[in-house]
Amino acid sequence: MVFIPQCCPDFVFFSFHFLCSIKSFDDNQPELCGLRCSNHPNCLSYNVYHETGKCELNRSDRFSDEKNFRVSNGVTYMGMMKNQTPMCKRTGKKVDCESNKKAVDGVWGEWGEFRTDWQMMNLTASFKTRYRSCFKPFRGGKPCIGEPEDVLWRSPRIPESSGIVMGDRFIQIGTWRFADYDGSVFSISYKTPTVERTICIYRADATRQCNSSASYSTWDRPVKFWDNSVVFGQDAIQIGNWRLGDFNGSHLSLVHKDGAVPVVYRSDARTFYGFSEGFNTYNHYMLISNIQYASMSLQIGRWRMGSIGGHFSMTHLGGFTPMVYRWDATAHHGSGIRTGWSTNSRPIIGTVGSGP
């Protein structure tokens, strides 16, 4: 039976004796590879690949006699004398190894392959994973830094050509970002190469602040192909701890997960603030999306939100625009009469959640 070590769950067998390989060993310190072998209960020999700096651990080796350990084709074959004081062997010679006395830090093994099948998070996103394992430190060395799991997200539903991208708790539409800043603050911000401003923030206590300059910016967060902190559902979009949704066809609300509703846009071009409850869309079904997208705009139920010039508008499909956010950190209310700055005329390109 072939031994499968816990240190390397994802590997390819090159031969029966192979345990695992570890990258990034200094070519001038193959002793570290020897220390790894000495510390592993099933390692009897190890190889150092000088060109790649790779350390390979083995549970046995065809070079069973220490005199056979040698340099060949850029590889040094080495052996460990188990149940004795660990020794380092270089090109077949026993030498004292000062690194035996030093702490050895944890080292990540190589990444395994991504799973071949995509797994569904919901009907708007799928993912697959790959793993790596930490070869644990010893003698007080530092632990491995980083994650053992790498997740690849996929959503081919919104092409970048639409001007809509996303990332960690934000949606970016053109030069505008709608983002969960820290779990309790929702920010609406604008950025060009010469201007960066946060137009308004909405808080989990149902209060708001506009004209807030460049504070509460999320523009340092990188754009990703997909991020699971953004979920599209039935007439609603979840962004971190916040949900923007069409409540009943005539009200579009921003709701915190704890229930506060700092802003509600109404279909008669009016905007209302500061609700401790109500207009809550957290009962909307989120596993299947009906959110549609057009060029630099999203349609949520009976509402269209989109970038238009240096402005961003929240417009009802009936024609009224209750709110326009402007690049200069000002917010302009519809006051019951505004019908301009609409993106309603832009043709729908597709539905988030459709496609392969």
Protein backbone atom coordinates (compact mmCIF):
# COMPACT_ATOMS: atom_id res chain seq x y z
CA MET A 1 0.00 0.00 0.00
CA VAL A 2 1.33 3.43 -0.92
CA PHE A 3 1.70 5.82 2.01
CA ILE A 4 -0.09 9.16 1.53
CA PRO A 5 1.34 11.73 3.94
CA GLN A 6 -0.81 14.40 5.53
CA CYS A 7 1.73 17.04 4.57
CA CYS A 8 0.96 16.73 0.87
CA PRO A 9 -2.64 15.73 0.04
CA ASP A 10 -2.33 16.86 -3.57
CA PHE A 11 0.55 15.36 -5.48
CA VAL A 12 1.47 13.19 -8.43
CA PHE A 13 3.28 9.89 -7.96
CA PHE A 14 6.42 9.89 -10.05
CA SER A 15 7.44 6.61 -8.46
CA PHE A 16 6.39 4.43 -5.55
CA HIS A 17 8.79 6.07 -3.12
CA PHE A 18 7.68 9.69 -3.60
CA LEU A 19 6.19 11.49 -0.57
CA CYS A 20 5.92 15.11 -1.60
CA SER A 21 7.86 18.12 -2.84
CA ILE A 22 8.38 21.55 -1.37
CA LYS A 23 9.35 24.60 -3.37
CA SER A 24 11.60 27.55 -2.61
CA PHE A 25 14.57 26.00 -0.85
CA ASP A 26 17.79 27.94 -1.18
CA ASP A 27 20.10 26.10 -3.53
CA ASN A 28 22.96 26.79 -1.14
CA GLN A 29 21.18 25.22 1.82
CA PRO A 30 20.11 21.69 0.95
CA GLU A 31 20.57 21.00 4.64
CA LEU A 32 17.09 22.45 5.19
CA CYS A 33 15.68 19.74 2.98
CA GLY A 34 17.53 17.23 5.12
CA LEU A 35 16.00 18.69 8.26
CA ARG A 36 12.57 18.28 6.74
CA CYS A 37 13.29 14.67 5.97
CA SER A 38 14.65 14.10 9.44
CA ASN A 39 11.51 15.59 10.97
CA HIS A 40 9.15 13.49 8.84
CA PRO A 41 8.48 10.03 10.33
CA ASN A 42 8.29 8.34 6.93
CA CYS A 43 11.12 10.07 5.08
CA LEU A 44 14.23 7.97 4.40
CA SER A 45 15.82 10.00 1.61
CA TYR A 46 15.49 13.31 -0.13
CA ASN A 47 16.48 14.94 -3.38
CA VAL A 48 17.41 18.57 -4.02
CA TYR A 49 16.77 19.91 -7.51
CA HIS A 50 19.26 22.73 -7.87
CA GLU A 51 17.79 24.41 -10.94
CA THR A 52 14.32 24.81 -9.41
CA GLY A 53 15.21 24.94 -5.73
CA LYS A 54 12.81 22.08 -5.04
CA CYS A 55 13.10 19.69 -2.12
CA GLU A 56 11.66 16.20 -2.66
CA LEU A 57 11.01 13.81 0.23
CA ASN A 58 10.92 10.05 -0.25
CA ARG A 59 9.87 7.10 1.85
CA SER A 60 12.62 5.00 0.25
CA ASP A 61 15.10 5.29 -2.58
CA ARG A 62 16.92 3.11 -5.06
CA PHE A 63 20.12 4.61 -3.62
CA SER A 64 20.02 2.59 -0.41
CA ASP A 65 23.70 2.89 0.41
CA GLU A 66 25.07 6.25 1.50
CA LYS A 67 28.01 5.97 -0.88
CA ASN A 68 25.56 6.03 -3.77
CA PHE A 69 24.18 9.46 -2.89
CA ARG A 70 25.59 11.74 -5.51
CA VAL A 71 25.00 14.68 -7.87
CA SER A 72 23.49 13.77 -11.22
CA ASN A 73 21.82 15.91 -13.88
CA GLY A 74 21.37 18.87 -11.58
CA VAL A 75 19.96 16.75 -8.74
CA THR A 76 21.61 15.86 -5.45
CA TYR A 77 20.37 12.52 -4.06
CA MET A 78 20.67 12.35 -0.29
CA GLY A 79 19.82 9.96 2.51
CA MET A 80 18.94 10.18 6.20
CA MET A 81 20.25 7.88 8.90
CA LYS A 82 17.07 7.29 10.89
CA ASN A 83 17.11 6.79 14.64
CA GLN A 84 20.42 8.65 14.82
CA THR A 85 21.45 12.25 15.10
CA PRO A 86 20.37 13.83 11.82
CA MET A 87 23.21 14.39 9.40
CA CYS A 88 23.38 16.41 6.23
CA LYS A 89 24.88 14.79 3.18
CA ARG A 90 26.09 16.77 0.25
CA THR A 91 27.27 15.01 -2.86
CA GLY A 92 27.65 11.81 -0.89
CA LYS A 93 29.68 13.26 2.02
CA LYS A 94 28.67 13.53 5.67
CA VAL A 95 29.09 17.04 7.00
CA ASP A 96 28.19 18.86 10.17
CA CYS A 97 25.00 20.82 9.66
CA GLU A 98 24.71 24.06 11.63
CA SER A 99 21.12 24.46 10.47
CA ASN A 100 20.22 21.45 12.66
CA LYS A 101 20.46 23.80 15.61
CA LYS A 102 18.27 26.50 14.11
CA ALA A 103 14.53 27.00 13.97
CA VAL A 104 13.01 25.98 10.65
CA ASP A 105 9.98 27.87 9.40
CA GLY A 106 6.90 26.26 7.92
CA VAL A 107 6.86 25.91 4.15
CA TRP A 108 3.89 25.51 1.86
CA GLY A 109 3.76 22.49 -0.40
CA GLU A 110 2.83 22.91 -4.04
CA TRP A 111 -0.75 23.73 -5.02
CA GLY A 112 -2.81 20.79 -6.17
CA GLU A 113 -4.85 20.96 -9.34
CA PHE A 114 -8.21 22.73 -9.38
CA ARG A 115 -11.18 20.39 -9.23
CA THR A 116 -12.42 19.64 -12.73
CA ASP A 117 -16.08 20.28 -11.86
CA TRP A 118 -17.62 23.62 -10.96
CA GLN A 119 -19.74 23.71 -7.78
CA MET A 120 -22.74 25.99 -7.50
CA MET A 121 -22.91 28.56 -4.71
CA ASN A 122 -26.24 29.73 -6.08
CA LEU A 123 -27.58 30.00 -9.61
CA THR A 124 -25.59 33.17 -10.24
CA ALA A 125 -22.16 31.92 -9.22
CA SER A 126 -20.07 28.77 -9.28
CA PHE A 127 -16.65 27.92 -7.95
CA LYS A 128 -13.99 25.27 -7.76
CA THR A 129 -11.13 24.82 -5.34
CA ARG A 130 -7.58 23.61 -5.02
CA TYR A 131 -5.53 22.98 -1.90
CA ARG A 132 -2.01 23.00 -0.52
CA SER A 133 -0.63 21.91 2.80
CA CYS A 134 1.85 23.42 5.20
CA PHE A 135 4.95 21.45 6.03
CA LYS A 136 4.83 22.41 9.69
CA PRO A 137 7.65 24.35 11.35
CA PHE A 138 9.81 22.85 14.04
CA ARG A 139 12.35 23.99 16.60
CA GLY A 140 10.27 27.13 17.16
CA GLY A 141 10.07 28.13 13.51
CA LYS A 142 7.42 30.45 12.10
CA PRO A 143 4.14 28.99 10.81
CA CYS A 144 3.15 29.09 7.16
CA ILE A 145 1.65 32.42 6.16
CA GLY A 146 -1.30 32.30 3.77
CA GLU A 147 -4.33 30.17 3.07
CA PRO A 148 -4.45 26.41 2.41
CA GLU A 149 -7.40 26.81 0.05
CA ASP A 150 -7.63 28.73 -3.22
CA VAL A 151 -11.11 29.39 -4.63
CA LEU A 152 -11.74 30.27 -8.26
CA TRP A 153 -15.10 31.98 -8.78
CA ARG A 154 -16.92 32.09 -12.08
CA SER A 155 -19.75 34.22 -13.34
CA PRO A 156 -19.78 34.73 -17.09
CA ARG A 157 -23.11 36.55 -16.76
CA ILE A 158 -21.94 40.19 -16.73
CA PRO A 159 -19.23 40.88 -19.33
CA GLU A 160 -16.77 43.65 -18.49
CA SER A 161 -17.80 45.37 -21.71
CA SER A 162 -21.02 46.35 -19.93
CA GLY A 163 -18.98 48.58 -17.62
CA ILE A 164 -20.02 46.58 -14.54
CA VAL A 165 -17.46 44.80 -12.36
CA MET A 166 -17.29 43.77 -8.71
CA GLY A 167 -15.01 42.74 -5.88
CA ASP A 168 -14.88 42.41 -2.13
CA ARG A 169 -18.25 43.81 -0.98
CA PHE A 170 -18.70 46.24 -3.85
CA ILE A 171 -20.28 46.67 -7.25
CA GLN A 172 -18.64 49.12 -9.65
CA ILE A 173 -20.72 50.63 -12.41
CA GLY A 174 -18.63 52.83 -14.64
CA THR A 175 -16.76 55.23 -12.36
CA TRP A 176 -19.08 54.63 -9.39
CA ARG A 177 -18.85 52.16 -6.50
CA PHE A 178 -21.61 50.96 -4.20
CA ALA A 179 -19.90 49.24 -1.29
CA ASP A 180 -20.15 47.82 2.19
CA TYR A 181 -17.33 49.80 3.79
CA ASP A 182 -17.00 47.98 7.10
CA GLY A 183 -20.20 46.03 7.75
CA SER A 184 -22.04 48.99 9.28
CA VAL A 185 -21.42 51.73 6.69
CA PHE A 186 -22.55 51.67 3.06
CA SER A 187 -20.73 54.10 0.77
CA ILE A 188 -21.46 55.53 -2.67
CA SER A 189 -18.27 56.88 -4.23
CA TYR A 190 -16.88 58.23 -7.50
CA LYS A 191 -13.41 58.06 -8.99
CA THR A 192 -11.57 59.18 -12.11
CA PRO A 193 -7.79 59.55 -12.63
CA THR A 194 -8.04 63.08 -11.20
CA VAL A 195 -11.00 62.96 -8.80
CA GLU A 196 -11.98 60.64 -5.94
CA ARG A 197 -14.94 61.43 -3.73
CA THR A 198 -17.41 59.64 -1.48
CA ILE A 199 -20.79 61.15 -2.27
CA CYS A 200 -22.88 59.67 0.54
CA ILE A 201 -22.63 57.12 3.31
CA TYR A 202 -25.53 55.28 4.97
CA ARG A 203 -25.13 53.75 8.41
CA ALA A 204 -26.58 50.70 10.17
CA ASP A 205 -28.29 53.03 12.68
CA ALA A 206 -30.38 54.45 9.78
CA THR A 207 -28.47 57.75 9.66
CA ARG A 208 -26.71 59.23 6.65
CA GLN A 209 -23.99 61.69 5.72
CA CYS A 210 -23.42 63.23 2.30
CA ASN A 211 -20.73 65.52 0.91
CA SER A 212 -18.16 63.39 2.76
CA SER A 213 -15.18 64.08 0.48
CA ALA A 214 -12.86 61.05 0.03
CA SER A 215 -13.62 59.40 3.38
CA TYR A 216 -14.98 55.84 3.49
CA SER A 217 -13.34 55.00 0.17
CA THR A 218 -13.22 51.40 -1.08
CA TRP A 219 -11.21 52.13 -4.21
CA ASP A 220 -8.21 50.30 -2.79
CA ARG A 221 -10.07 46.99 -3.18
CA PRO A 222 -9.15 45.13 -6.38
CA VAL A 223 -11.66 44.22 -9.05
CA LYS A 224 -12.36 40.50 -9.26
CA PHE A 225 -14.02 38.37 -11.90
CA TRP A 226 -16.48 37.32 -9.24
CA ASP A 227 -16.80 37.69 -5.47
CA ASN A 228 -19.15 35.77 -3.21
CA SER A 229 -19.78 38.85 -1.05
CA VAL A 230 -22.03 40.10 -3.87
CA VAL A 231 -25.17 38.02 -4.51
CA PHE A 232 -27.92 38.65 -7.05
CA GLY A 233 -31.44 37.43 -6.29
CA GLN A 234 -35.10 38.17 -6.89
CA ASP A 235 -35.44 41.96 -7.23
CA ALA A 236 -32.53 42.44 -4.81
CA ILE A 237 -28.73 42.59 -4.65
CA GLN A 238 -26.81 41.65 -1.51
CA ILE A 239 -23.55 43.58 -1.01
CA GLY A 240 -21.87 42.42 2.18
CA ASN A 241 -24.21 43.23 5.08
CA TRP A 242 -26.47 45.40 2.91
CA ARG A 243 -29.31 44.68 0.53
CA LEU A 244 -30.55 46.98 -2.21
CA GLY A 245 -33.94 45.82 -3.42
CA ASP A 246 -37.28 46.63 -5.00
CA PHE A 247 -39.63 46.35 -2.02
CA ASN A 248 -43.00 46.46 -3.80
CA GLY A 249 -42.55 47.89 -7.29
CA SER A 250 -42.74 51.50 -6.15
CA HIS A 251 -40.10 51.61 -3.39
CA LEU A 252 -36.38 50.82 -3.72
CA SER A 253 -34.76 50.39 -0.31
CA LEU A 254 -31.27 50.01 1.14
CA VAL A 255 -31.50 47.69 4.16
CA HIS A 256 -28.88 46.62 6.67
CA LYS A 257 -28.91 42.99 7.80
CA ASP A 258 -30.02 44.11 11.28
CA GLY A 259 -33.14 45.74 9.82
CA ALA A 260 -32.39 49.48 9.66
CA VAL A 261 -33.35 51.25 6.42
CA PRO A 262 -31.39 54.48 6.01
CA VAL A 263 -32.80 55.37 2.57
CA VAL A 264 -35.90 54.59 0.48
CA TYR A 265 -36.42 55.85 -3.08
CA ARG A 266 -40.05 56.20 -4.19
CA SER A 267 -41.51 56.04 -7.68
CA ASP A 268 -42.95 59.59 -7.50
CA ALA A 269 -39.42 61.12 -7.48
CA ARG A 270 -39.20 61.42 -3.69
CA THR A 271 -36.58 60.04 -1.29
CA PHE A 272 -37.10 59.21 2.41
CA TYR A 273 -34.62 58.57 5.21
CA GLY A 274 -34.11 57.04 8.62
CA PHE A 275 -36.37 54.02 9.11
CA SER A 276 -35.59 51.65 11.97
CA GLU A 277 -37.61 48.94 10.23
CA GLY A 278 -39.90 48.32 7.28
CA PHE A 279 -39.26 48.21 3.52
CA ASN A 280 -37.21 45.09 4.23
CA THR A 281 -36.25 42.88 1.28
CA TYR A 282 -34.48 40.20 3.32
CA ASN A 283 -37.38 37.86 2.60
CA HIS A 284 -36.59 37.93 -1.13
CA TYR A 285 -35.44 34.67 -2.69
CA MET A 286 -31.71 34.92 -3.48
CA LEU A 287 -30.86 31.58 -5.11
CA ILE A 288 -32.20 32.59 -8.52
CA SER A 289 -31.61 36.05 -9.98
CA ASN A 290 -33.86 38.19 -12.15
CA ILE A 291 -31.55 41.20 -12.06
CA GLN A 292 -30.92 42.53 -15.57
CA TYR A 293 -28.05 44.60 -16.87
CA ALA A 294 -27.54 47.16 -19.63
CA SER A 295 -24.57 49.34 -20.51
CA MET A 296 -23.33 50.80 -17.19
CA SER A 297 -26.67 50.18 -15.48
CA LEU A 298 -28.56 47.54 -13.53
CA GLN A 299 -32.29 46.92 -13.44
CA ILE A 300 -33.69 45.79 -10.07
CA GLY A 301 -37.37 44.99 -10.43
CA ARG A 302 -39.06 48.20 -11.55
CA TRP A 303 -35.95 50.31 -10.95
CA ARG A 304 -32.92 51.27 -13.03
CA MET A 305 -29.66 52.45 -11.43
CA GLY A 306 -26.89 53.65 -13.71
CA SER A 307 -23.96 55.91 -14.51
CA ILE A 308 -24.70 58.82 -16.81
CA GLY A 309 -21.94 61.35 -17.37
CA GLY A 310 -20.55 62.46 -14.00
CA HIS A 311 -23.86 61.53 -12.40
CA PHE A 312 -25.46 58.37 -11.05
CA SER A 313 -29.25 58.10 -11.09
CA MET A 314 -31.85 56.00 -9.30
CA THR A 315 -34.80 55.94 -11.68
CA HIS A 316 -38.18 54.20 -11.64
CA LEU A 317 -39.31 52.59 -14.89
CA GLY A 318 -42.37 54.84 -14.70
CA GLY A 319 -40.05 57.71 -15.59
CA PHE A 320 -39.40 59.59 -12.34
CA THR A 321 -35.91 59.97 -10.84
CA PRO A 322 -35.97 60.41 -7.04
CA MET A 323 -32.18 60.73 -6.66
CA VAL A 324 -29.14 61.80 -8.68
CA TYR A 325 -25.69 61.53 -7.11
CA ARG A 326 -23.12 63.87 -8.63
CA TRP A 327 -19.34 63.63 -8.99
CA ASP A 328 -18.76 66.74 -6.82
CA ALA A 329 -20.03 64.92 -3.68
CA THR A 330 -23.53 66.33 -3.84
CA ALA A 331 -26.85 64.46 -3.86
CA HIS A 332 -29.82 65.93 -5.73
CA HIS A 333 -33.38 64.96 -4.84
CA GLY A 334 -36.12 64.58 -7.39
CA SER A 335 -38.51 66.61 -5.22
CA GLY A 336 -41.50 64.95 -6.83
CA ILE A 337 -40.83 66.36 -10.30
CA ARG A 338 -37.52 65.10 -11.72
CA THR A 339 -37.67 62.94 -14.85
CA GLY A 340 -34.19 63.52 -16.31
CA TRP A 341 -30.84 61.71 -15.89
CA SER A 342 -32.46 58.38 -16.65
CA THR A 343 -30.76 55.26 -18.05
CA ASN A 344 -34.13 53.60 -18.81
CA SER A 345 -33.64 53.90 -22.57
CA ARG A 346 -30.52 51.71 -22.64
CA PRO A 347 -31.36 48.27 -24.04
CA ILE A 348 -31.16 45.29 -21.73
CA ILE A 349 -28.16 43.08 -22.55
CA GLY A 350 -28.95 40.11 -20.33
CA THR A 351 -30.01 38.73 -16.97
CA VAL A 352 -27.52 38.09 -14.19
CA GLY A 353 -27.66 34.35 -13.65
CA SER A 354 -28.37 33.34 -17.24
CA GLY A 355 -25.85 31.90 -19.64
CA PRO A 356 -23.42 28.96 -19.29
